[in-house]
All heavy atoms as atom14 arrays in JSON, in Angstrom:
{
  "sequence": "RPFIHMSGFLAGRHRLEFVGSTSVVCLKTGVSAEIEFKSKGMLGRGE",
  "atom14_mask": [
    [1, 1, 1, 1, 1, 1, 1, 1, 1, 1, 1, 0, 0, 0],
    [1, 1, 1, 1, 1, 1, 1, 0, 0, 0, 0, 0, 0, 0],
    [1, 1, 1, 1, 1, 1, 1, 1, 1, 1, 1, 0, 0, 0],
    [1, 1, 1, 1, 1, 1, 1, 1, 0, 0, 0, 0, 0, 0],
    [1, 1, 1, 1, 1, 1, 1, 1, 1, 1, 0, 0, 0, 0],
    [1, 1, 1, 1, 1, 1, 1, 1, 0, 0, 0, 0, 0, 0],
    [1, 1, 1, 1, 1, 1, 0, 0, 0, 0, 0, 0, 0, 0],
    [1, 1, 1, 1, 0, 0, 0, 0, 0, 0, 0, 0, 0, 0],
    [1, 1, 1, 1, 1, 1, 1, 1, 1, 1, 1, 0, 0, 0],
    [1, 1, 1, 1, 1, 1, 1, 1, 0, 0, 0, 0, 0, 0],
    [1, 1, 1, 1, 1, 0, 0, 0, 0, 0, 0, 0, 0, 0],
    [1, 1, 1, 1, 0, 0, 0, 0, 0, 0, 0, 0, 0, 0],
    [1, 1, 1, 1, 1, 1, 1, 1, 1, 1, 1, 0, 0, 0],
    [1, 1, 1, 1, 1, 1, 1, 1, 1, 1, 0, 0, 0, 0],
    [1, 1, 1, 1, 1, 1, 1, 1, 1, 1, 1, 0, 0, 0],
    [1, 1, 1, 1, 1, 1, 1, 1, 0, 0, 0, 0, 0, 0],
    [1, 1, 1, 1, 1, 1, 1, 1, 1, 0, 0, 0, 0, 0],
    [1, 1, 1, 1, 1, 1, 1, 1, 1, 1, 1, 0, 0, 0],
    [1, 1, 1, 1, 1, 1, 1, 0, 0, 0, 0, 0, 0, 0],
    [1, 1, 1, 1, 0, 0, 0, 0, 0, 0, 0, 0, 0, 0],
    [1, 1, 1, 1, 1, 1, 0, 0, 0, 0, 0, 0, 0, 0],
    [1, 1, 1, 1, 1, 1, 1, 0, 0, 0, 0, 0, 0, 0],
    [1, 1, 1, 1, 1, 1, 0, 0, 0, 0, 0, 0, 0, 0],
    [1, 1, 1, 1, 1, 1, 1, 0, 0, 0, 0, 0, 0, 0],
    [1, 1, 1, 1, 1, 1, 1, 0, 0, 0, 0, 0, 0, 0],
    [1, 1, 1, 1, 1, 1, 0, 0, 0, 0, 0, 0, 0, 0],
    [1, 1, 1, 1, 1, 1, 1, 1, 0, 0, 0, 0, 0, 0],
    [1, 1, 1, 1, 1, 1, 1, 1, 1, 0, 0, 0, 0, 0],
    [1, 1, 1, 1, 1, 1, 1, 0, 0, 0, 0, 0, 0, 0],
    [1, 1, 1, 1, 0, 0, 0, 0, 0, 0, 0, 0, 0, 0],
    [1, 1, 1, 1, 1, 1, 1, 0, 0, 0, 0, 0, 0, 0],
    [1, 1, 1, 1, 1, 1, 0, 0, 0, 0, 0, 0, 0, 0],
    [1, 1, 1, 1, 1, 0, 0, 0, 0, 0, 0, 0, 0, 0],
    [1, 1, 1, 1, 1, 1, 1, 1, 1, 0, 0, 0, 0, 0],
    [1, 1, 1, 1, 1, 1, 1, 1, 0, 0, 0, 0, 0, 0],
    [1, 1, 1, 1, 1, 1, 1, 1, 1, 0, 0, 0, 0, 0],
    [1, 1, 1, 1, 1, 1, 1, 1, 1, 1, 1, 0, 0, 0],
    [1, 1, 1, 1, 1, 1, 1, 1, 1, 0, 0, 0, 0, 0],
    [1, 1, 1, 1, 1, 1, 0, 0, 0, 0, 0, 0, 0, 0],
    [1, 1, 1, 1, 1, 1, 1, 1, 1, 0, 0, 0, 0, 0],
    [1, 1, 1, 1, 0, 0, 0, 0, 0, 0, 0, 0, 0, 0],
    [1, 1, 1, 1, 1, 1, 1, 1, 0, 0, 0, 0, 0, 0],
    [1, 1, 1, 1, 1, 1, 1, 1, 0, 0, 0, 0, 0, 0],
    [1, 1, 1, 1, 0, 0, 0, 0, 0, 0, 0, 0, 0, 0],
    [1, 1, 1, 1, 1, 1, 1, 1, 1, 1, 1, 0, 0, 0],
    [1, 1, 1, 1, 0, 0, 0, 0, 0, 0, 0, 0, 0, 0],
    [1, 1, 1, 1, 1, 1, 1, 1, 1, 0, 0, 0, 0, 0]
  ],
  "atom14_positions": [
    [[94.33, 90.33, 120.28], [94.95, 90.17, 118.97], [96.51, 90.26, 119.09], [97.1, 90.82, 119.97], [94.52, 91.31, 118.1], [93.04, 91.41, 117.84], [92.68, 92.67, 117.06], [91.27, 92.81, 116.68], [90.45, 93.47, 117.55], [90.97, 94.08, 118.55], [89.18, 93.6, 117.23], [0.0, 0.0, 0.0], [0.0, 0.0, 0.0], [0.0, 0.0, 0.0]],
    [[97.11, 89.6, 118.09], [98.63, 89.68, 118.04], [99.05, 91.07, 117.45], [98.24, 91.8, 117.05], [98.98, 88.5, 117.17], [97.88, 88.43, 116.28], [96.67, 88.68, 117.08], [0.0, 0.0, 0.0], [0.0, 0.0, 0.0], [0.0, 0.0, 0.0], [0.0, 0.0, 0.0], [0.0, 0.0, 0.0], [0.0, 0.0, 0.0], [0.0, 0.0, 0.0]],
    [[100.35, 91.3, 117.39], [100.8, 92.49, 116.76], [100.82, 92.29, 115.22], [100.83, 91.15, 114.72], [102.27, 92.92, 117.15], [102.42, 93.33, 118.5], [101.25, 93.4, 119.47], [103.52, 93.7, 119.16], [101.29, 93.89, 120.74], [103.74, 94.08, 120.4], [102.59, 94.17, 121.21], [0.0, 0.0, 0.0], [0.0, 0.0, 0.0], [0.0, 0.0, 0.0]],
    [[100.87, 93.42, 114.39], [101.23, 93.29, 112.95], [102.59, 93.88, 112.76], [102.98, 94.97, 113.31], [100.23, 94.07, 112.12], [98.82, 93.46, 112.28], [100.6, 94.1, 110.73], [97.73, 94.19, 111.46], [0.0, 0.0, 0.0], [0.0, 0.0, 0.0], [0.0, 0.0, 0.0], [0.0, 0.0, 0.0], [0.0, 0.0, 0.0], [0.0, 0.0, 0.0]],
    [[103.42, 93.16, 112.13], [104.9, 93.52, 111.97], [105.06, 93.71, 110.38], [104.89, 92.67, 109.67], [105.82, 92.45, 112.47], [107.31, 92.95, 112.45], [107.79, 93.89, 113.29], [108.24, 92.66, 111.47], [109.05, 94.06, 112.91], [109.36, 93.3, 111.81], [0.0, 0.0, 0.0], [0.0, 0.0, 0.0], [0.0, 0.0, 0.0], [0.0, 0.0, 0.0]],
    [[105.45, 94.86, 110.05], [105.74, 95.09, 108.52], [107.18, 95.53, 108.43], [107.73, 96.46, 109.18], [104.85, 96.28, 108.02], [103.36, 95.88, 108.04], [102.31, 97.29, 107.63], [102.16, 98.11, 109.34], [0.0, 0.0, 0.0], [0.0, 0.0, 0.0], [0.0, 0.0, 0.0], [0.0, 0.0, 0.0], [0.0, 0.0, 0.0], [0.0, 0.0, 0.0]],
    [[107.91, 94.86, 107.59], [109.32, 95.09, 107.4], [109.77, 95.26, 105.96], [108.93, 95.06, 105.04], [110.17, 93.86, 108.03], [109.79, 92.72, 107.33], [0.0, 0.0, 0.0], [0.0, 0.0, 0.0], [0.0, 0.0, 0.0], [0.0, 0.0, 0.0], [0.0, 0.0, 0.0], [0.0, 0.0, 0.0], [0.0, 0.0, 0.0], [0.0, 0.0, 0.0]],
    [[111.0, 95.71, 105.76], [111.45, 95.96, 104.32], [111.18, 97.33, 103.87], [111.12, 97.54, 102.56], [0.0, 0.0, 0.0], [0.0, 0.0, 0.0], [0.0, 0.0, 0.0], [0.0, 0.0, 0.0], [0.0, 0.0, 0.0], [0.0, 0.0, 0.0], [0.0, 0.0, 0.0], [0.0, 0.0, 0.0], [0.0, 0.0, 0.0], [0.0, 0.0, 0.0]],
    [[111.05, 98.33, 104.72], [110.7, 99.67, 104.08], [111.91, 100.33, 103.48], [111.87, 101.01, 102.54], [110.17, 100.52, 105.25], [108.77, 100.25, 105.63], [108.66, 99.53, 106.81], [107.7, 100.63, 104.97], [107.36, 99.21, 107.26], [106.34, 100.36, 105.4], [106.19, 99.62, 106.48], [0.0, 0.0, 0.0], [0.0, 0.0, 0.0], [0.0, 0.0, 0.0]],
    [[113.06, 100.14, 104.08], [114.28, 100.61, 103.6], [115.15, 99.68, 102.83], [115.92, 100.08, 101.93], [115.07, 101.4, 104.72], [114.36, 102.39, 105.48], [115.25, 102.85, 106.67], [113.86, 103.52, 104.54], [0.0, 0.0, 0.0], [0.0, 0.0, 0.0], [0.0, 0.0, 0.0], [0.0, 0.0, 0.0], [0.0, 0.0, 0.0], [0.0, 0.0, 0.0]],
    [[115.19, 98.49, 103.23], [116.1, 97.52, 102.74], [115.35, 96.15, 102.88], [114.64, 95.88, 103.76], [117.43, 97.59, 103.29], [0.0, 0.0, 0.0], [0.0, 0.0, 0.0], [0.0, 0.0, 0.0], [0.0, 0.0, 0.0], [0.0, 0.0, 0.0], [0.0, 0.0, 0.0], [0.0, 0.0, 0.0], [0.0, 0.0, 0.0], [0.0, 0.0, 0.0]],
    [[115.73, 95.17, 101.93], [115.23, 93.87, 102.08], [113.79, 93.72, 101.51], [113.27, 94.66, 100.87], [0.0, 0.0, 0.0], [0.0, 0.0, 0.0], [0.0, 0.0, 0.0], [0.0, 0.0, 0.0], [0.0, 0.0, 0.0], [0.0, 0.0, 0.0], [0.0, 0.0, 0.0], [0.0, 0.0, 0.0], [0.0, 0.0, 0.0], [0.0, 0.0, 0.0]],
    [[113.28, 92.57, 101.6], [111.96, 92.2, 101.0], [110.83, 92.7, 101.94], [110.91, 92.51, 103.14], [111.84, 90.73, 100.91], [110.65, 90.29, 100.09], [110.64, 88.79, 99.96], [109.44, 88.27, 99.32], [109.18, 87.02, 99.08], [110.14, 86.09, 99.32], [108.02, 86.71, 98.46], [0.0, 0.0, 0.0], [0.0, 0.0, 0.0], [0.0, 0.0, 0.0]],
    [[109.77, 93.3, 101.36], [108.7, 93.72, 102.02], [107.93, 92.53, 102.58], [107.65, 91.53, 101.82], [107.62, 94.54, 101.11], [108.11, 95.88, 100.91], [107.25, 96.88, 100.47], [109.32, 96.5, 100.96], [107.97, 98.04, 100.33], [109.22, 97.78, 100.6], [0.0, 0.0, 0.0], [0.0, 0.0, 0.0], [0.0, 0.0, 0.0], [0.0, 0.0, 0.0]],
    [[107.6, 92.49, 103.87], [106.82, 91.38, 104.4], [105.94, 91.89, 105.58], [106.22, 92.77, 106.33], [107.91, 90.41, 105.01], [107.26, 89.06, 105.52], [108.37, 88.04, 105.63], [109.33, 88.43, 106.76], [110.65, 88.39, 106.58], [111.19, 87.93, 105.32], [111.53, 88.72, 107.56], [0.0, 0.0, 0.0], [0.0, 0.0, 0.0], [0.0, 0.0, 0.0]],
    [[104.86, 91.25, 105.57], [103.81, 91.59, 106.65], [103.5, 90.35, 107.38], [103.16, 89.25, 106.78], [102.55, 92.18, 106.04], [101.43, 92.67, 107.07], [100.74, 93.79, 106.55], [100.58, 91.54, 107.44], [0.0, 0.0, 0.0], [0.0, 0.0, 0.0], [0.0, 0.0, 0.0], [0.0, 0.0, 0.0], [0.0, 0.0, 0.0], [0.0, 0.0, 0.0]],
    [[103.63, 90.35, 108.71], [103.33, 89.17, 109.63], [102.52, 89.55, 110.82], [102.58, 90.71, 111.3], [104.66, 88.57, 109.99], [105.68, 88.2, 108.93], [107.03, 87.81, 109.61], [107.82, 88.68, 109.78], [107.31, 86.59, 109.68], [0.0, 0.0, 0.0], [0.0, 0.0, 0.0], [0.0, 0.0, 0.0], [0.0, 0.0, 0.0], [0.0, 0.0, 0.0]],
    [[101.85, 88.52, 111.27], [101.31, 88.61, 112.66], [102.36, 87.98, 113.65], [103.01, 86.92, 113.44], [100.05, 87.7, 112.79], [98.93, 88.25, 112.04], [98.41, 87.52, 110.89], [98.17, 89.46, 112.31], [97.42, 88.07, 110.08], [97.24, 89.96, 111.7], [96.77, 89.28, 110.51], [0.0, 0.0, 0.0], [0.0, 0.0, 0.0], [0.0, 0.0, 0.0]],
    [[102.61, 88.84, 114.69], [103.68, 88.45, 115.69], [103.11, 88.57, 117.04], [102.37, 89.51, 117.31], [104.97, 89.3, 115.42], [106.06, 88.95, 116.47], [105.46, 89.24, 114.07], [0.0, 0.0, 0.0], [0.0, 0.0, 0.0], [0.0, 0.0, 0.0], [0.0, 0.0, 0.0], [0.0, 0.0, 0.0], [0.0, 0.0, 0.0], [0.0, 0.0, 0.0]],
    [[103.59, 87.63, 117.95], [103.29, 87.87, 119.38], [102.15, 86.83, 119.86], [101.75, 85.95, 119.12], [0.0, 0.0, 0.0], [0.0, 0.0, 0.0], [0.0, 0.0, 0.0], [0.0, 0.0, 0.0], [0.0, 0.0, 0.0], [0.0, 0.0, 0.0], [0.0, 0.0, 0.0], [0.0, 0.0, 0.0], [0.0, 0.0, 0.0], [0.0, 0.0, 0.0]],
    [[101.71, 87.16, 120.98], [100.68, 86.16, 121.5], [99.25, 86.72, 121.51], [99.08, 88.01, 121.59], [101.08, 85.87, 123.09], [101.17, 87.01, 123.79], [0.0, 0.0, 0.0], [0.0, 0.0, 0.0], [0.0, 0.0, 0.0], [0.0, 0.0, 0.0], [0.0, 0.0, 0.0], [0.0, 0.0, 0.0], [0.0, 0.0, 0.0], [0.0, 0.0, 0.0]],
    [[98.39, 85.87, 121.62], [96.94, 86.2, 121.76], [96.31, 85.2, 122.58], [96.68, 84.02, 122.82], [96.2, 86.27, 120.31], [94.92, 86.54, 120.46], [96.19, 84.78, 119.69], [0.0, 0.0, 0.0], [0.0, 0.0, 0.0], [0.0, 0.0, 0.0], [0.0, 0.0, 0.0], [0.0, 0.0, 0.0], [0.0, 0.0, 0.0], [0.0, 0.0, 0.0]],
    [[95.18, 85.54, 123.27], [94.45, 84.67, 124.13], [92.96, 84.58, 123.8], [92.43, 85.46, 123.21], [94.58, 85.16, 125.52], [93.99, 86.48, 125.72], [0.0, 0.0, 0.0], [0.0, 0.0, 0.0], [0.0, 0.0, 0.0], [0.0, 0.0, 0.0], [0.0, 0.0, 0.0], [0.0, 0.0, 0.0], [0.0, 0.0, 0.0], [0.0, 0.0, 0.0]],
    [[92.37, 83.37, 124.04], [90.98, 83.2, 123.91], [90.5, 82.68, 125.24], [90.96, 81.66, 125.75], [90.72, 82.14, 122.77], [89.16, 81.98, 122.53], [91.47, 82.58, 121.53], [0.0, 0.0, 0.0], [0.0, 0.0, 0.0], [0.0, 0.0, 0.0], [0.0, 0.0, 0.0], [0.0, 0.0, 0.0], [0.0, 0.0, 0.0], [0.0, 0.0, 0.0]],
    [[89.45, 83.34, 125.85], [88.91, 82.9, 127.14], [87.45, 82.72, 127.05], [86.73, 83.61, 126.51], [89.29, 83.96, 128.11], [88.71, 83.72, 129.54], [90.76, 84.2, 128.21], [0.0, 0.0, 0.0], [0.0, 0.0, 0.0], [0.0, 0.0, 0.0], [0.0, 0.0, 0.0], [0.0, 0.0, 0.0], [0.0, 0.0, 0.0], [0.0, 0.0, 0.0]],
    [[86.9, 81.62, 127.67], [85.46, 81.4, 127.75], [85.22, 81.28, 129.29], [85.58, 80.25, 129.89], [85.01, 80.15, 127.09], [83.26, 79.82, 127.2], [0.0, 0.0, 0.0], [0.0, 0.0, 0.0], [0.0, 0.0, 0.0], [0.0, 0.0, 0.0], [0.0, 0.0, 0.0], [0.0, 0.0, 0.0], [0.0, 0.0, 0.0], [0.0, 0.0, 0.0]],
    [[84.66, 82.37, 129.85], [84.47, 82.28, 131.4], [83.33, 81.21, 131.75], [83.46, 80.64, 132.87], [83.98, 83.71, 131.79], [84.96, 84.8, 131.65], [84.39, 86.13, 132.03], [86.2, 84.49, 132.42], [0.0, 0.0, 0.0], [0.0, 0.0, 0.0], [0.0, 0.0, 0.0], [0.0, 0.0, 0.0], [0.0, 0.0, 0.0], [0.0, 0.0, 0.0]],
    [[82.43, 80.96, 130.84], [81.33, 80.0, 131.22], [81.91, 78.52, 131.32], [81.5, 77.71, 132.22], [80.29, 80.11, 130.13], [79.0, 79.16, 130.42], [77.92, 79.4, 129.5], [77.19, 80.61, 129.93], [75.98, 80.84, 129.17], [0.0, 0.0, 0.0], [0.0, 0.0, 0.0], [0.0, 0.0, 0.0], [0.0, 0.0, 0.0], [0.0, 0.0, 0.0]],
    [[82.78, 78.14, 130.44], [83.26, 76.75, 130.42], [84.55, 76.62, 131.08], [84.89, 75.47, 131.58], [83.39, 76.28, 129.01], [84.4, 77.06, 128.32], [82.11, 76.33, 128.22], [0.0, 0.0, 0.0], [0.0, 0.0, 0.0], [0.0, 0.0, 0.0], [0.0, 0.0, 0.0], [0.0, 0.0, 0.0], [0.0, 0.0, 0.0], [0.0, 0.0, 0.0]],
    [[85.3, 77.71, 131.34], [86.62, 77.79, 131.93], [87.74, 77.24, 131.0], [88.86, 76.9, 131.47], [0.0, 0.0, 0.0], [0.0, 0.0, 0.0], [0.0, 0.0, 0.0], [0.0, 0.0, 0.0], [0.0, 0.0, 0.0], [0.0, 0.0, 0.0], [0.0, 0.0, 0.0], [0.0, 0.0, 0.0], [0.0, 0.0, 0.0], [0.0, 0.0, 0.0]],
    [[87.4, 77.1, 129.73], [88.37, 76.61, 128.74], [89.0, 77.86, 128.09], [88.3, 78.79, 127.74], [87.75, 75.73, 127.63], [88.71, 75.43, 126.6], [87.17, 74.42, 128.26], [0.0, 0.0, 0.0], [0.0, 0.0, 0.0], [0.0, 0.0, 0.0], [0.0, 0.0, 0.0], [0.0, 0.0, 0.0], [0.0, 0.0, 0.0], [0.0, 0.0, 0.0]],
    [[90.28, 77.82, 128.05], [90.95, 79.06, 127.47], [92.07, 78.49, 126.46], [92.31, 77.3, 126.36], [91.67, 79.85, 128.52], [90.73, 80.38, 129.47], [0.0, 0.0, 0.0], [0.0, 0.0, 0.0], [0.0, 0.0, 0.0], [0.0, 0.0, 0.0], [0.0, 0.0, 0.0], [0.0, 0.0, 0.0], [0.0, 0.0, 0.0], [0.0, 0.0, 0.0]],
    [[92.61, 79.43, 125.67], [93.64, 79.04, 124.74], [94.72, 80.28, 124.81], [94.33, 81.41, 124.95], [93.08, 78.83, 123.37], [0.0, 0.0, 0.0], [0.0, 0.0, 0.0], [0.0, 0.0, 0.0], [0.0, 0.0, 0.0], [0.0, 0.0, 0.0], [0.0, 0.0, 0.0], [0.0, 0.0, 0.0], [0.0, 0.0, 0.0], [0.0, 0.0, 0.0]],
    [[95.89, 79.87, 124.57], [97.02, 80.81, 124.25], [97.72, 80.41, 123.08], [98.11, 79.22, 122.9], [97.96, 80.83, 125.61], [98.51, 79.56, 125.96], [99.26, 79.59, 127.33], [98.96, 80.57, 128.07], [100.13, 78.71, 127.57], [0.0, 0.0, 0.0], [0.0, 0.0, 0.0], [0.0, 0.0, 0.0], [0.0, 0.0, 0.0], [0.0, 0.0, 0.0]],
    [[97.94, 81.42, 122.17], [98.44, 81.11, 120.89], [99.6, 82.09, 120.58], [99.42, 83.32, 120.88], [97.4, 81.33, 119.73], [96.19, 80.26, 120.06], [97.86, 81.05, 118.39], [94.98, 80.56, 119.22], [0.0, 0.0, 0.0], [0.0, 0.0, 0.0], [0.0, 0.0, 0.0], [0.0, 0.0, 0.0], [0.0, 0.0, 0.0], [0.0, 0.0, 0.0]],
    [[100.72, 81.66, 120.1], [101.85, 82.39, 119.79], [102.02, 82.45, 118.2], [102.14, 81.44, 117.54], [103.11, 81.82, 120.38], [104.37, 82.68, 120.32], [104.34, 83.93, 121.22], [103.54, 83.86, 122.19], [105.02, 84.84, 120.87], [0.0, 0.0, 0.0], [0.0, 0.0, 0.0], [0.0, 0.0, 0.0], [0.0, 0.0, 0.0], [0.0, 0.0, 0.0]],
    [[102.1, 83.66, 117.68], [102.33, 83.8, 116.29], [103.73, 84.08, 116.14], [104.37, 84.89, 116.66], [101.58, 85.01, 115.71], [100.07, 84.83, 115.62], [99.22, 84.84, 116.79], [99.44, 84.53, 114.45], [97.95, 84.67, 116.72], [98.14, 84.31, 114.41], [97.39, 84.47, 115.49], [0.0, 0.0, 0.0], [0.0, 0.0, 0.0], [0.0, 0.0, 0.0]],
    [[104.39, 83.25, 115.2], [105.88, 83.25, 115.07], [106.3, 84.15, 113.88], [105.53, 84.33, 112.91], [106.39, 81.8, 114.7], [106.09, 80.86, 115.83], [106.84, 81.13, 117.03], [106.56, 80.09, 118.23], [107.36, 80.32, 119.42], [0.0, 0.0, 0.0], [0.0, 0.0, 0.0], [0.0, 0.0, 0.0], [0.0, 0.0, 0.0], [0.0, 0.0, 0.0]],
    [[107.5, 84.69, 114.04], [107.99, 85.61, 113.03], [109.07, 85.02, 112.19], [109.91, 84.21, 112.7], [108.47, 86.91, 113.61], [109.27, 87.73, 112.81], [0.0, 0.0, 0.0], [0.0, 0.0, 0.0], [0.0, 0.0, 0.0], [0.0, 0.0, 0.0], [0.0, 0.0, 0.0], [0.0, 0.0, 0.0], [0.0, 0.0, 0.0], [0.0, 0.0, 0.0]],
    [[109.23, 85.34, 110.93], [110.34, 85.0, 110.14], [111.71, 85.51, 110.68], [112.72, 84.92, 110.45], [110.18, 85.38, 108.69], [111.12, 84.79, 107.63], [110.85, 83.34, 107.52], [111.74, 82.72, 106.24], [111.47, 81.31, 106.08], [0.0, 0.0, 0.0], [0.0, 0.0, 0.0], [0.0, 0.0, 0.0], [0.0, 0.0, 0.0], [0.0, 0.0, 0.0]],
    [[111.68, 86.67, 111.22], [112.77, 87.27, 111.77], [113.66, 88.05, 110.88], [113.48, 88.0, 109.65], [0.0, 0.0, 0.0], [0.0, 0.0, 0.0], [0.0, 0.0, 0.0], [0.0, 0.0, 0.0], [0.0, 0.0, 0.0], [0.0, 0.0, 0.0], [0.0, 0.0, 0.0], [0.0, 0.0, 0.0], [0.0, 0.0, 0.0], [0.0, 0.0, 0.0]],
    [[114.57, 88.93, 111.37], [115.39, 89.75, 110.56], [116.26, 88.98, 109.63], [116.58, 89.41, 108.54], [116.2, 90.75, 111.45], [115.39, 91.74, 112.29], [116.52, 92.79, 113.24], [117.4, 93.54, 111.97], [0.0, 0.0, 0.0], [0.0, 0.0, 0.0], [0.0, 0.0, 0.0], [0.0, 0.0, 0.0], [0.0, 0.0, 0.0], [0.0, 0.0, 0.0]],
    [[116.75, 87.79, 110.16], [117.76, 87.01, 109.38], [116.98, 85.95, 108.46], [117.61, 85.18, 107.75], [118.69, 86.36, 110.19], [119.59, 87.25, 111.14], [120.52, 86.4, 112.0], [120.34, 88.11, 110.22], [0.0, 0.0, 0.0], [0.0, 0.0, 0.0], [0.0, 0.0, 0.0], [0.0, 0.0, 0.0], [0.0, 0.0, 0.0], [0.0, 0.0, 0.0]],
    [[115.61, 85.9, 108.59], [114.91, 84.97, 107.72], [115.0, 83.61, 108.15], [114.74, 82.6, 107.32], [0.0, 0.0, 0.0], [0.0, 0.0, 0.0], [0.0, 0.0, 0.0], [0.0, 0.0, 0.0], [0.0, 0.0, 0.0], [0.0, 0.0, 0.0], [0.0, 0.0, 0.0], [0.0, 0.0, 0.0], [0.0, 0.0, 0.0], [0.0, 0.0, 0.0]],
    [[115.36, 83.35, 109.36], [115.49, 81.91, 109.87], [114.33, 81.34, 110.65], [114.36, 80.13, 110.97], [116.81, 81.91, 110.78], [118.03, 82.22, 110.03], [119.16, 82.3, 110.99], [120.47, 82.58, 110.26], [121.56, 82.82, 110.94], [121.71, 82.7, 112.12], [122.65, 83.06, 110.2], [0.0, 0.0, 0.0], [0.0, 0.0, 0.0], [0.0, 0.0, 0.0]],
    [[113.3, 82.2, 110.83], [112.17, 81.65, 111.7], [111.15, 81.03, 110.76], [111.34, 80.66, 109.71], [0.0, 0.0, 0.0], [0.0, 0.0, 0.0], [0.0, 0.0, 0.0], [0.0, 0.0, 0.0], [0.0, 0.0, 0.0], [0.0, 0.0, 0.0], [0.0, 0.0, 0.0], [0.0, 0.0, 0.0], [0.0, 0.0, 0.0], [0.0, 0.0, 0.0]],
    [[109.97, 80.93, 111.34], [108.85, 80.21, 110.67], [107.81, 81.23, 110.15], [107.05, 81.85, 111.01], [108.25, 79.16, 111.53], [107.07, 78.36, 110.98], [106.56, 77.3, 111.98], [106.92, 77.38, 113.29], [105.8, 76.52, 111.68], [0.0, 0.0, 0.0], [0.0, 0.0, 0.0], [0.0, 0.0, 0.0], [0.0, 0.0, 0.0], [0.0, 0.0, 0.0]]
  ]
}
């Protein structure tokens, strides 16, 4: 699982996001996936 990031406790807008990487692995087929969850960031310039 990715991380959960909650911001805006003291200042700014409250926001909850999934952040970081996660992996999906199937040993039987050898097919895997790597997924990156993007953050809006402190300055609000991300996705």
